[in-house]
C-alpha cells in the first residue's frame, strides 16, 4: 500500500506506525492480536490516512463490482493540463470512472 501510493502520487509520507499485540487495538477491532500499519500522506491541501491490516499485506488490488448504492472511493482534484489519473495508470491500477477518462464534475 505505501509503495503503491508513493509511486502513484507525489504525496509526502508524514507518519507511519505499526501496531501489533496492543490490547486497546484488539478491543477496538474486536479481534485478538490484530496487526496493522497506518500511514499518513500529506498533499498540498489534505492529509490521507490509510490502514493496511497484516492479513492483507501480500494481496493485489482487484476490481470489485458495485454493491448497493456503490462503494467507497477517493477523489483527487487535478488540473486538466496535468491529469492526476495518469499517475495511477502508470502505477498499474485500473481506474473506475464514468467514460474513458477521469470524471469532470464541472466545478
Protein backbone atom coordinates (compact mmCIF):
# COMPACT_ATOMS: atom_id res chain seq x y z
CA UNK A 1 0.00 0.00 0.00
CA UNK A 2 2.66 2.51 1.00
CA UNK A 3 4.85 1.69 -2.00
CA UNK A 4 1.86 2.00 -4.36
CA UNK A 5 0.82 5.43 -3.07
CA UNK A 6 4.39 6.68 -3.15
CA UNK A 7 4.64 5.54 -6.79
CA UNK A 8 1.21 6.81 -7.81
CA UNK A 9 1.27 10.22 -6.13
CA UNK A 10 3.66 12.93 -5.10
CA UNK A 11 2.23 12.90 -1.56
CA UNK A 12 4.74 13.16 1.26
CA UNK A 13 4.79 10.39 3.86
CA UNK A 14 4.50 12.25 7.19
CA UNK A 15 3.62 9.47 9.66
CA UNK A 16 3.99 5.71 9.73
CA UNK A 17 3.15 3.38 12.61
CA UNK A 18 2.90 -0.37 13.02
CA UNK A 19 0.67 -1.87 15.69
CA UNK A 20 0.81 -5.46 16.93
CA UNK A 21 -0.09 -7.09 20.24
CA UNK A 22 -1.77 -3.98 21.56
CA UNK A 23 -4.73 -4.71 23.86
CA UNK A 24 -6.64 -1.46 23.11
CA UNK A 25 -6.41 -2.12 19.35
CA UNK A 26 -7.58 -5.71 19.86
CA UNK A 27 -10.59 -4.38 21.78
CA UNK A 28 -11.32 -1.66 19.21
CA UNK A 29 -11.29 -4.08 16.26
CA UNK A 30 -12.83 -6.98 18.23
CA UNK A 31 -10.06 -9.30 17.12
CA UNK A 32 -7.28 -10.96 19.11
CA UNK A 33 -3.74 -9.95 18.16
CA UNK A 34 -4.78 -7.50 15.48
CA UNK A 35 -1.83 -6.20 13.47
CA UNK A 36 -1.86 -3.26 11.11
CA UNK A 37 0.17 -0.46 9.64
CA UNK A 38 -1.22 3.06 9.45
CA UNK A 39 0.34 5.74 7.28
CA UNK A 40 -0.46 9.40 6.74
CA UNK A 41 0.37 11.17 3.50
CA UNK A 42 0.32 14.94 3.04
CA UNK A 43 -0.77 16.55 -0.22
CA UNK A 44 -0.98 20.24 -0.97
CA UNK A 45 -4.42 20.63 0.62
CA UNK A 46 -5.19 17.43 2.52
CA UNK A 47 -3.98 14.55 4.65
CA UNK A 48 -4.72 10.98 3.53
CA UNK A 49 -4.63 8.32 6.24
CA UNK A 50 -4.57 4.67 5.17
CA UNK A 51 -4.69 1.49 7.24
CA UNK A 52 -3.44 -1.86 5.98
CA UNK A 53 -4.06 -4.97 8.06
CA UNK A 54 -1.33 -7.61 8.28
CA UNK A 55 -3.52 -10.26 6.64
CA UNK A 56 -3.75 -8.03 3.53
CA UNK A 57 -0.04 -7.31 3.06
CA UNK A 58 0.51 -9.69 0.14
CA UNK A 59 -2.77 -9.10 -1.67
CA UNK A 60 -3.14 -7.41 -5.03
CA UNK A 61 -5.68 -4.71 -5.85
CA UNK A 62 -8.78 -6.09 -7.53
CA UNK A 63 -11.82 -4.62 -9.21
CA UNK A 64 -14.86 -5.04 -7.00
CA UNK A 65 -18.35 -4.94 -8.50
CA UNK A 66 -20.60 -2.16 -7.17
CA UNK A 67 -22.98 -3.29 -4.43
CA UNK A 68 -25.99 -1.41 -3.18
CA UNK A 69 -25.57 2.33 -3.51
CA UNK A 70 -21.96 2.00 -4.64
CA UNK A 71 -18.60 1.67 -2.98
CA UNK A 72 -16.24 3.94 -1.02
CA UNK A 73 -13.94 5.97 -3.17
CA UNK A 74 -11.33 8.67 -3.01
CA UNK A 75 -11.38 11.66 -5.35
CA UNK A 76 -8.36 13.67 -6.38
CA UNK A 77 -8.62 17.08 -7.96
CA UNK A 78 -6.11 17.89 -10.67
CA UNK A 79 -5.84 20.48 -13.43
CA UNK A 80 -6.85 19.43 -16.95
CA UNK A 81 -3.33 20.15 -18.21
CA UNK A 82 -1.87 17.66 -15.69
CA UNK A 83 -4.40 14.87 -15.09
CA UNK A 84 -3.90 13.05 -11.81
CA UNK A 85 -5.23 9.78 -13.16
CA UNK A 86 -2.08 9.32 -15.25
CA UNK A 87 -0.11 8.72 -12.05
CA UNK A 88 -2.41 5.88 -11.05
CA UNK A 89 -2.42 4.37 -14.55
CA UNK A 90 1.39 4.45 -14.52
CA UNK A 91 1.30 2.62 -11.19
CA UNK A 92 -0.67 -0.19 -12.91
CA UNK A 93 -4.04 0.38 -11.26
CA UNK A 94 -7.34 0.02 -13.10
CA UNK A 95 -9.48 3.13 -12.78
CA UNK A 96 -13.22 3.07 -12.34
CA UNK A 97 -14.76 6.17 -13.90
CA UNK A 98 -17.65 7.42 -15.98
CA UNK A 99 -16.44 7.03 -19.54
CA UNK A 100 -12.87 6.56 -20.71
CA UNK A 101 -11.16 9.36 -18.78
CA UNK A 102 -11.40 10.99 -15.40
CA UNK A 103 -14.80 12.31 -14.33
CA UNK A 104 -15.17 16.06 -14.63
CA UNK A 105 -17.66 17.44 -12.13
CA UNK A 106 -17.57 20.83 -13.82
CA UNK A 107 -16.59 22.66 -10.65
